[in-house]
C-alpha atoms as a PDB file:
ATOM      1  CA  MET A   1      85.678 122.932  78.515  1.00  0.00           C
ATOM      2  CA  THR A   2      84.759 126.412  77.341  1.00  0.00           C
ATOM      3  CA  VAL A   3      87.182 128.927  75.861  1.00  0.00           C
ATOM      4  CA  ALA A   4      87.033 130.828  79.159  1.00  0.00           C
ATOM      5  CA  ASP A   5      87.872 127.666  81.124  1.00  0.00           C
ATOM      6  CA  ARG A   6      90.897 126.944  78.946  1.00  0.00           C
ATOM      7  CA  LEU A   7      92.028 130.552  79.127  1.00  0.00           C
ATOM      8  CA  ARG A   8      91.704 130.634  82.908  1.00  0.00           C
ATOM      9  CA  GLU A   9      93.987 127.580  83.143  1.00  0.00           C
ATOM     10  CA  ARG A  10      96.592 129.140  80.867  1.00  0.00           C
ATOM     11  CA  LEU A  11      96.601 132.393  82.864  1.00  0.00           C
ATOM     12  CA  GLU A  12      98.281 130.508  85.728  1.00  0.00           C
ATOM     13  CA  GLY A  13      96.605 132.513  88.454  1.00  0.00           C
ATOM     14  CA  ARG A  14      96.817 135.911  86.747  1.00  0.00           C
ATOM     15  CA  GLU A  15      93.677 138.011  87.039  1.00  0.00           C
ATOM     16  CA  PRO A  16      93.613 140.528  84.195  1.00  0.00           C
ATOM     17  CA  ARG A  17      91.412 143.565  84.586  1.00  0.00           C
ATOM     18  CA  VAL A  18      91.880 145.249  81.196  1.00  0.00           C
ATOM     19  CA  LEU A  19      91.561 143.635  77.777  1.00  0.00           C
ATOM     20  CA  LEU A  20      93.685 145.496  75.241  1.00  0.00           C
ATOM     21  CA  THR A  21      92.971 144.606  71.612  1.00  0.00           C
ATOM     22  CA  LEU A  22      95.680 145.677  69.175  1.00  0.00           C
ATOM     23  CA  GLY A  23      94.836 146.435  65.534  1.00  0.00           C
ATOM     24  CA  SER A  24      96.851 146.196  62.312  1.00  0.00           C
ATOM     25  CA  GLY A  25     100.473 147.226  62.787  1.00  0.00           C
ATOM     26  CA  LEU A  26     100.018 147.858  66.520  1.00  0.00           C
ATOM     27  CA  GLY A  27     100.935 144.470  67.964  1.00  0.00           C
ATOM     28  CA  HIS A  28     104.354 145.541  69.295  1.00  0.00           C
ATOM     29  CA  LEU A  29     102.829 146.795  72.562  1.00  0.00           C
ATOM     30  CA  ALA A  30     102.380 143.191  73.655  1.00  0.00           C
ATOM     31  CA  ASP A  31     106.183 142.883  73.830  1.00  0.00           C
ATOM     32  CA  GLU A  32     106.197 145.362  76.735  1.00  0.00           C
ATOM     33  CA  VAL A  33     104.018 143.232  78.999  1.00  0.00           C
ATOM     34  CA  GLY A  34     105.874 142.101  82.128  1.00  0.00           C
ATOM     35  CA  ASP A  35     105.509 138.757  83.930  1.00  0.00           C
ATOM     36  CA  ALA A  36     104.019 137.623  80.649  1.00  0.00           C
ATOM     37  CA  VAL A  37     102.476 134.383  79.511  1.00  0.00           C
ATOM     38  CA  ALA A  38     101.649 134.007  75.823  1.00  0.00           C
ATOM     39  CA  VAL A  39      98.584 132.037  74.817  1.00  0.00           C
ATOM     40  CA  PRO A  40      98.121 131.243  71.100  1.00  0.00           C
ATOM     41  CA  PHE A  41      94.473 131.555  70.104  1.00  0.00           C
ATOM     42  CA  ALA A  42      94.315 127.958  68.880  1.00  0.00           C
ATOM     43  CA  GLU A  43      95.400 126.586  72.277  1.00  0.00           C
ATOM     44  CA  VAL A  44      92.236 127.853  73.971  1.00  0.00           C
ATOM     45  CA  GLY A  45      89.831 127.353  71.078  1.00  0.00           C
ATOM     46  CA  LEU A  46      89.803 130.880  69.643  1.00  0.00           C
ATOM     47  CA  PRO A  47      89.735 131.348  65.846  1.00  0.00           C
ATOM     48  CA  THR A  48      93.008 132.399  64.229  1.00  0.00           C
ATOM     49  CA  SER A  49      93.339 135.293  61.792  1.00  0.00           C
ATOM     50  CA  SER A  50      94.730 134.879  58.282  1.00  0.00           C
ATOM     51  CA  VAL A  51      95.455 138.632  57.918  1.00  0.00           C
ATOM     52  CA  PRO A  52      99.071 139.905  57.712  1.00  0.00           C
ATOM     53  CA  GLY A  53     100.022 141.900  60.807  1.00  0.00           C
ATOM     54  CA  HIS A  54      97.838 139.902  63.229  1.00  0.00           C
ATOM     55  CA  ALA A  55      99.915 137.581  65.439  1.00  0.00           C
ATOM     56  CA  GLY A  56      97.009 135.511  66.758  1.00  0.00           C
ATOM     57  CA  ARG A  57      97.775 135.231  70.461  1.00  0.00           C
ATOM     58  CA  LEU A  58      96.900 136.578  73.890  1.00  0.00           C
ATOM     59  CA  VAL A  59      99.551 137.931  76.227  1.00  0.00           C
ATOM     60  CA  ALA A  60      98.701 138.164  79.938  1.00  0.00           C
ATOM     61  CA  GLY A  61     100.761 140.028  82.506  1.00  0.00           C
ATOM     62  CA  GLU A  62     101.321 143.602  83.690  1.00  0.00           C
ATOM     63  CA  LEU A  63     101.574 146.822  81.748  1.00  0.00           C
ATOM     64  CA  GLY A  64     101.941 150.129  83.551  1.00  0.00           C
ATOM     65  CA  GLY A  65     101.329 148.335  86.843  1.00  0.00           C
ATOM     66  CA  VAL A  66      97.939 147.094  85.654  1.00  0.00           C
ATOM     67  CA  ALA A  67      96.951 143.465  85.093  1.00  0.00           C
ATOM     68  CA  VAL A  68      96.206 143.188  81.388  1.00  0.00           C
ATOM     69  CA  LEU A  69      95.206 140.668  78.769  1.00  0.00           C
ATOM     70  CA  VAL A  70      96.524 141.777  75.384  1.00  0.00           C
ATOM     71  CA  GLN A  71      94.811 140.479  72.258  1.00  0.00           C
ATOM     72  CA  GLN A  72      97.547 140.570  69.645  1.00  0.00           C
ATOM     73  CA  GLY A  73      95.576 140.339  66.434  1.00  0.00           C
ATOM     74  CA  ARG A  74      91.893 139.706  65.807  1.00  0.00           C
ATOM     75  CA  VAL A  75      89.624 137.901  63.383  1.00  0.00           C
ATOM     76  CA  HIS A  76      87.239 139.642  60.983  1.00  0.00           C
ATOM     77  CA  LEU A  77      83.911 138.859  59.355  1.00  0.00           C
ATOM     78  CA  TYR A  78      85.514 139.050  55.913  1.00  0.00           C
ATOM     79  CA  GLU A  79      87.603 135.987  56.782  1.00  0.00           C
ATOM     80  CA  GLY A  80      84.420 133.917  56.557  1.00  0.00           C
ATOM     81  CA  ILE A  81      83.726 133.637  60.276  1.00  0.00           C
ATOM     82  CA  ASP A  82      80.442 134.253  62.072  1.00  0.00           C
ATOM     83  CA  PRO A  83      79.762 137.122  64.509  1.00  0.00           C
ATOM     84  CA  GLY A  84      80.115 134.852  67.533  1.00  0.00           C
ATOM     85  CA  GLN A  85      83.645 133.917  66.498  1.00  0.00           C
ATOM     86  CA  ALA A  86      84.526 137.566  65.896  1.00  0.00           C
ATOM     87  CA  VAL A  87      83.747 138.418  69.531  1.00  0.00           C
ATOM     88  CA  ALA A  88      84.809 135.160  71.183  1.00  0.00           C
ATOM     89  CA  CYS A  89      87.930 136.720  72.696  1.00  0.00           C
ATOM     90  CA  VAL A  90      86.001 139.615  74.242  1.00  0.00           C
ATOM     91  CA  ARG A  91      83.453 137.241  75.750  1.00  0.00           C
ATOM     92  CA  ALA A  92      86.162 134.961  77.152  1.00  0.00           C
ATOM     93  CA  ALA A  93      87.975 137.943  78.674  1.00  0.00           C
ATOM     94  CA  GLY A  94      84.786 139.102  80.375  1.00  0.00           C
ATOM     95  CA  ALA A  95      84.207 135.596  81.718  1.00  0.00           C
ATOM     96  CA  VAL A  96      87.660 135.515  83.388  1.00  0.00           C
ATOM     97  CA  GLY A  97      87.123 138.838  85.169  1.00  0.00           C
ATOM     98  CA  VAL A  98      88.131 141.635  82.791  1.00  0.00           C
ATOM     99  CA  ASP A  99      86.008 144.756  83.407  1.00  0.00           C
ATOM    100  CA  THR A 100      87.485 147.264  80.921  1.00  0.00           C
ATOM    101  CA  PHE A 101      88.012 146.910  77.177  1.00  0.00           C
ATOM    102  CA  VAL A 102      90.578 149.091  75.384  1.00  0.00           C
ATOM    103  CA  VAL A 103      90.157 148.488  71.662  1.00  0.00           C
ATOM    104  CA  THR A 104      92.403 149.884  68.945  1.00  0.00           C
ATOM    105  CA  ASN A 105      92.231 149.657  65.192  1.00  0.00           C
ATOM    106  CA  ALA A 106      93.596 150.992  61.944  1.00  0.00           C
ATOM    107  CA  ALA A 107      91.015 153.093  60.131  1.00  0.00           C
ATOM    108  CA  GLY A 108      90.564 155.143  57.005  1.00  0.00           C
ATOM    109  CA  GLY A 109      89.945 158.812  57.609  1.00  0.00           C
ATOM    110  CA  LEU A 110      86.763 160.427  56.312  1.00  0.00           C
ATOM    111  CA  ALA A 111      86.883 163.816  58.029  1.00  0.00           C
ATOM    112  CA  SER A 112      88.373 166.448  55.718  1.00  0.00           C
ATOM    113  CA  ASP A 113      90.832 167.693  58.339  1.00  0.00           C
ATOM    114  CA  PHE A 114      92.293 164.266  59.167  1.00  0.00           C
ATOM    115  CA  SER A 115      95.818 163.245  58.155  1.00  0.00           C
ATOM    116  CA  PRO A 116      97.513 159.815  58.099  1.00  0.00           C
ATOM    117  CA  GLY A 117      98.949 159.130  61.537  1.00  0.00           C
ATOM    118  CA  ASP A 118      96.230 160.979  63.461  1.00  0.00           C
ATOM    119  CA  LEU A 119      94.954 159.283  66.620  1.00  0.00           C
ATOM    120  CA  MET A 120      91.175 159.332  67.034  1.00  0.00           C
ATOM    121  CA  LEU A 121      89.295 158.532  70.222  1.00  0.00           C
ATOM    122  CA  ILE A 122      86.056 156.833  69.211  1.00  0.00           C
ATOM    123  CA  ASP A 123      83.024 158.553  70.706  1.00  0.00           C
ATOM    124  CA  ASP A 124      80.380 156.536  68.841  1.00  0.00           C
ATOM    125  CA  HIS A 125      80.028 154.033  66.034  1.00  0.00           C
ATOM    126  CA  LEU A 126      77.882 152.982  63.096  1.00  0.00           C
ATOM    127  CA  ASN A 127      77.393 149.229  62.801  1.00  0.00           C
ATOM    128  CA  LEU A 128      77.156 148.781  59.037  1.00  0.00           C
ATOM    129  CA  THR A 129      78.323 145.167  59.008  1.00  0.00           C
ATOM    130  CA  GLY A 130      74.780 143.901  58.513  1.00  0.00           C
ATOM    131  CA  THR A 131      74.983 141.631  61.546  1.00  0.00           C
ATOM    132  CA  THR A 132      75.335 141.494  65.334  1.00  0.00           C
ATOM    133  CA  PRO A 133      76.891 139.149  67.911  1.00  0.00           C
ATOM    134  CA  LEU A 134      73.737 139.333  70.041  1.00  0.00           C
ATOM    135  CA  VAL A 135      71.378 136.356  69.989  1.00  0.00           C
ATOM    136  CA  GLY A 136      67.664 136.388  70.817  1.00  0.00           C
ATOM    137  CA  PRO A 137      66.170 138.981  73.169  1.00  0.00           C
ATOM    138  CA  GLU A 138      69.559 140.300  74.331  1.00  0.00           C
ATOM    139  CA  PHE A 139      68.792 144.012  74.571  1.00  0.00           C
ATOM    140  CA  VAL A 140      71.863 146.163  75.233  1.00  0.00           C
ATOM    141  CA  ASP A 141      71.898 149.927  75.795  1.00  0.00           C
ATOM    142  CA  MET A 142      74.474 151.450  73.421  1.00  0.00           C
ATOM    143  CA  ALA A 143      73.787 155.132  74.210  1.00  0.00           C
ATOM    144  CA  ALA A 144      77.197 155.557  75.861  1.00  0.00           C
ATOM    145  CA  ALA A 145      79.016 152.549  74.455  1.00  0.00           C
ATOM    146  CA  TYR A 146      82.339 154.415  74.483  1.00  0.00           C
ATOM    147  CA  ASP A 147      82.633 155.451  78.111  1.00  0.00           C
ATOM    148  CA  PRO A 148      82.866 159.279  78.447  1.00  0.00           C
ATOM    149  CA  ALA A 149      84.952 159.044  81.621  1.00  0.00           C
ATOM    150  CA  LEU A 150      87.459 156.783  79.884  1.00  0.00           C
ATOM    151  CA  ARG A 151      87.702 159.205  76.968  1.00  0.00           C
ATOM    152  CA  THR A 152      88.433 162.001  79.442  1.00  0.00           C
ATOM    153  CA  ALA A 153      91.159 159.837  80.971  1.00  0.00           C
ATOM    154  CA  ALA A 154      92.601 159.192  77.506  1.00  0.00           C
ATOM    155  CA  ARG A 155      92.643 162.903  76.646  1.00  0.00           C
ATOM    156  CA  GLU A 156      94.480 163.617  79.904  1.00  0.00           C
ATOM    157  CA  ALA A 157      96.943 160.816  79.205  1.00  0.00           C
ATOM    158  CA  ALA A 158      97.568 162.107  75.684  1.00  0.00           C
ATOM    159  CA  ALA A 159      98.274 165.611  77.008  1.00  0.00           C
ATOM    160  CA  GLU A 160     100.637 164.149  79.585  1.00  0.00           C
ATOM    161  CA  VAL A 161     102.783 162.490  76.912  1.00  0.00           C
ATOM    162  CA  GLY A 162     102.529 165.414  74.479  1.00  0.00           C
ATOM    163  CA  GLU A 163     100.253 163.784  71.924  1.00  0.00           C
ATOM    164  CA  ASP A 164      97.256 165.306  70.178  1.00  0.00           C
ATOM    165  CA  VAL A 165      94.067 163.288  69.765  1.00  0.00           C
ATOM    166  CA  VAL A 166      90.880 163.940  67.861  1.00  0.00           C
ATOM    167  CA  GLU A 167      87.453 162.421  68.504  1.00  0.00           C
ATOM    168  CA  GLY A 168      84.938 161.029  66.083  1.00  0.00           C
ATOM    169  CA  VAL A 169      82.486 158.399  64.919  1.00  0.00           C
ATOM    170  CA  TYR A 170      83.808 155.066  63.615  1.00  0.00           C
ATOM    171  CA  ALA A 171      81.889 153.246  60.890  1.00  0.00           C
ATOM    172  CA  GLY A 172      82.357 149.488  60.893  1.00  0.00           C
ATOM    173  CA  LEU A 173      81.905 147.705  57.542  1.00  0.00           C
ATOM    174  CA  ARG A 174      82.281 144.051  56.672  1.00  0.00           C
ATOM    175  CA  GLY A 175      85.137 144.463  54.150  1.00  0.00           C
ATOM    176  CA  PRO A 176      87.539 143.362  52.806  1.00  0.00           C
ATOM    177  CA  ALA A 177      87.209 145.753  49.859  1.00  0.00           C
ATOM    178  CA  TYR A 178      88.161 149.316  50.654  1.00  0.00           C
ATOM    179  CA  GLU A 179      85.433 151.892  50.130  1.00  0.00           C
ATOM    180  CA  THR A 180      84.409 153.321  46.769  1.00  0.00           C
ATOM    181  CA  PRO A 181      84.124 157.117  46.379  1.00  0.00           C
ATOM    182  CA  ALA A 182      80.334 156.786  46.496  1.00  0.00           C
ATOM    183  CA  GLU A 183      80.553 154.791  49.717  1.00  0.00           C
ATOM    184  CA  VAL A 184      82.889 157.399  51.196  1.00  0.00           C
ATOM    185  CA  ALA A 185      80.339 160.100  50.342  1.00  0.00           C
ATOM    186  CA  MET A 186      77.568 158.018  51.936  1.00  0.00           C
ATOM    187  CA  LEU A 187      79.559 157.472  55.131  1.00  0.00           C
ATOM    188  CA  ARG A 188      80.309 161.175  55.456  1.00  0.00           C
ATOM    189  CA  THR A 189      76.610 161.936  55.007  1.00  0.00           C
ATOM    190  CA  LEU A 190      75.829 159.466  57.791  1.00  0.00           C
ATOM    191  CA  GLY A 191      78.205 161.303  60.118  1.00  0.00           C
ATOM    192  CA  ALA A 192      81.200 158.963  60.136  1.00  0.00           C
ATOM    193  CA  ASP A 193      84.689 160.373  60.686  1.00  0.00           C
ATOM    194  CA  ALA A 194      86.604 157.120  60.125  1.00  0.00           C
ATOM    195  CA  VAL A 195      85.899 153.703  58.650  1.00  0.00           C
ATOM    196  CA  GLY A 196      87.252 150.228  59.259  1.00  0.00           C
ATOM    197  CA  MET A 197      86.476 146.518  59.247  1.00  0.00           C
ATOM    198  CA  SER A 198      86.492 145.623  62.939  1.00  0.00           C
ATOM    199  CA  THR A 199      85.638 146.873  66.434  1.00  0.00           C
ATOM    200  CA  VAL A 200      81.869 147.446  66.298  1.00  0.00           C
ATOM    201  CA  LEU A 201      80.844 143.839  66.989  1.00  0.00           C
ATOM    202  CA  GLU A 202      83.492 143.543  69.702  1.00  0.00           C
ATOM    203  CA  VAL A 203      82.178 146.667  71.419  1.00  0.00           C
ATOM    204  CA  ILE A 204      78.585 145.409  71.274  1.00  0.00           C
ATOM    205  CA  ALA A 205      79.689 142.150  72.894  1.00  0.00           C
ATOM    206  CA  ALA A 206      81.733 144.015  75.492  1.00  0.00           C
ATOM    207  CA  ARG A 207      78.781 146.179  76.475  1.00  0.00           C
ATOM    208  CA  ALA A 208      76.558 143.104  76.653  1.00  0.00           C
ATOM    209  CA  ALA A 209      79.071 141.637  79.129  1.00  0.00           C
ATOM    210  CA  GLY A 210      79.116 144.845  81.196  1.00  0.00           C
ATOM    211  CA  LEU A 211      82.619 145.986  80.207  1.00  0.00           C
ATOM    212  CA  ARG A 212      83.521 149.671  80.007  1.00  0.00           C
ATOM    213  CA  VAL A 213      84.976 150.566  76.600  1.00  0.00           C
ATOM    214  CA  LEU A 214      87.703 152.921  75.410  1.00  0.00           C
ATOM    215  CA  GLY A 215      88.289 152.931  71.652  1.00  0.00           C
ATOM    216  CA  CYS A 216      91.078 154.482  69.595  1.00  0.00           C
ATOM    217  CA  SER A 217      91.701 154.472  65.846  1.00  0.00           C
ATOM    218  CA  VAL A 218      94.989 155.116  64.108  1.00  0.00           C
ATOM    219  CA  ILE A 219      94.113 156.982  60.913  1.00  0.00           C
ATOM    220  CA  THR A 220      96.300 155.128  58.437  1.00  0.00           C
ATOM    221  CA  ASN A 221      94.969 156.722  55.256  1.00  0.00           C
ATOM    222  CA  VAL A 222      92.555 159.501  54.336  1.00  0.00           C
ATOM    223  CA  HIS A 223      89.947 159.075  51.611  1.00  0.00           C
ATOM    224  CA  ARG A 224      90.389 161.873  49.092  1.00  0.00           C
ATOM    225  CA  PRO A 225      89.680 162.091  45.337  1.00  0.00           C
ATOM    226  CA  GLY A 226      92.320 160.251  43.328  1.00  0.00           C
ATOM    227  CA  VAL A 227      93.984 158.689  46.397  1.00  0.00           C
ATOM    228  CA  THR A 228      94.158 154.876  46.426  1.00  0.00           C
ATOM    229  CA  THR A 229      94.353 152.625  49.490  1.00  0.00           C
ATOM    230  CA  ASP A 230      96.973 149.901  49.881  1.00  0.00           C
ATOM    231  CA  HIS A 231      97.068 147.409  52.785  1.00  0.00           C
ATOM    232  CA  ALA A 232     100.869 147.530  52.976  1.00  0.00           C
ATOM    233  CA  GLU A 233     100.704 151.302  53.392  1.00  0.00           C
ATOM    234  CA  VAL A 234      98.054 150.878  56.099  1.00  0.00           C
ATOM    235  CA  LEU A 235     100.458 148.620  58.003  1.00  0.00           C
ATOM    236  CA  ASP A 236     103.363 151.019  57.491  1.00  0.00           C
ATOM    237  CA  VAL A 237     101.471 154.022  58.891  1.00  0.00           C
ATOM    238  CA  GLY A 238     100.170 151.869  61.745  1.00  0.00           C
ATOM    239  CA  ARG A 239     103.717 150.890  62.655  1.00  0.00           C
ATOM    240  CA  ASP A 240     104.882 154.500  62.528  1.00  0.00           C
ATOM    241  CA  ALA A 241     102.000 155.733  64.691  1.00  0.00           C
ATOM    242  CA  GLY A 242     102.132 152.733  67.011  1.00  0.00           C
ATOM    243  CA  PRO A 243     104.733 154.137  69.432  1.00  0.00           C
ATOM    244  CA  ARG A 244     102.623 157.299  69.879  1.00  0.00           C
ATOM    245  CA  LEU A 245      99.515 155.273  70.650  1.00  0.00           C
ATOM    246  CA  ALA A 246     101.555 153.045  72.942  1.00  0.00           C
ATOM    247  CA  ALA A 247     102.648 156.096  74.937  1.00  0.00           C
ATOM    248  CA  ILE A 248      99.010 157.080  75.464  1.00  0.00           C
ATOM    249  CA  VAL A 249      98.047 153.552  76.480  1.00  0.00           C
ATOM    250  CA  ARG A 250     100.866 153.398  79.029  1.00  0.00           C
ATOM    251  CA  ALA A 251      99.753 156.726  80.508  1.00  0.00           C
ATOM    252  CA  VAL A 252      96.047 155.885  80.553  1.00  0.00           C
ATOM    253  CA  LEU A 253      96.243 152.417  82.121  1.00  0.00           C
ATOM    254  CA  PRO A 254      96.855 153.631  85.703  1.00  0.00           C
ATOM    255  CA  ARG A 255      93.877 155.972  85.281  1.00  0.00           C
ATOM    256  CA  LEU A 256      91.686 153.049  84.279  1.00  0.00           C
ATOM    257  CA  ALA A 257      92.791 151.099  87.321  1.00  0.00           C
ATOM    258  CA  GLY A 258      91.725 153.967  89.535  1.00  0.00           C
ATOM    259  CA  GLY A 259      88.345 154.347  87.792  1.00  0.00           C
END
């Protein structure tokens, strides 16, 4: 049986439309899913993360009246896995009928006007991981990988709940080392506004499967001279900003269902 076959069995007749992937410190939103069934990654053949803050399960049910599949935690290239494993959950979700991918992450801020706790809608990305989940002649148009209509819906949802959002380019690196000052300078020169260690391969796989994509980063730290980066602090800021992002997600989900 494939991962998708096992997942379909565990969904017990549920037909999720939206895959919601939760980044570091953001997993609490899965607790709000109604009529929920929890599916540990290992039970359906998905790789399990070793990173603190990543629960390693799927939660299927309803959120905001929309059928969702919540990915609570993800795996990363720096854990020693291959690109196919990194996107296995996205591919399985597409195979069971999901048509929209809402991906969140914790990211370091590069833009000079960013502050920890800012919420950034991703409007483009730089794949600097050195790899891809695509195999062979699998040509995928990435010109509008982050759906403009979904970003408009997210801006409207943010305004509805009284939250401010910024927009920018996300640079995806392999990790797990945080960036040196020289690397920060390089990324800014390349046009990146935020940097992290996930998301880009998942979005490539989602687009290859025909899923629409909405991406959002929680800016957990900002790279400035003399400022160090600590993973525990990243988790702390993610937890603090999580309820604000959750409010936007709740407000945007009905808009996605109508799109």
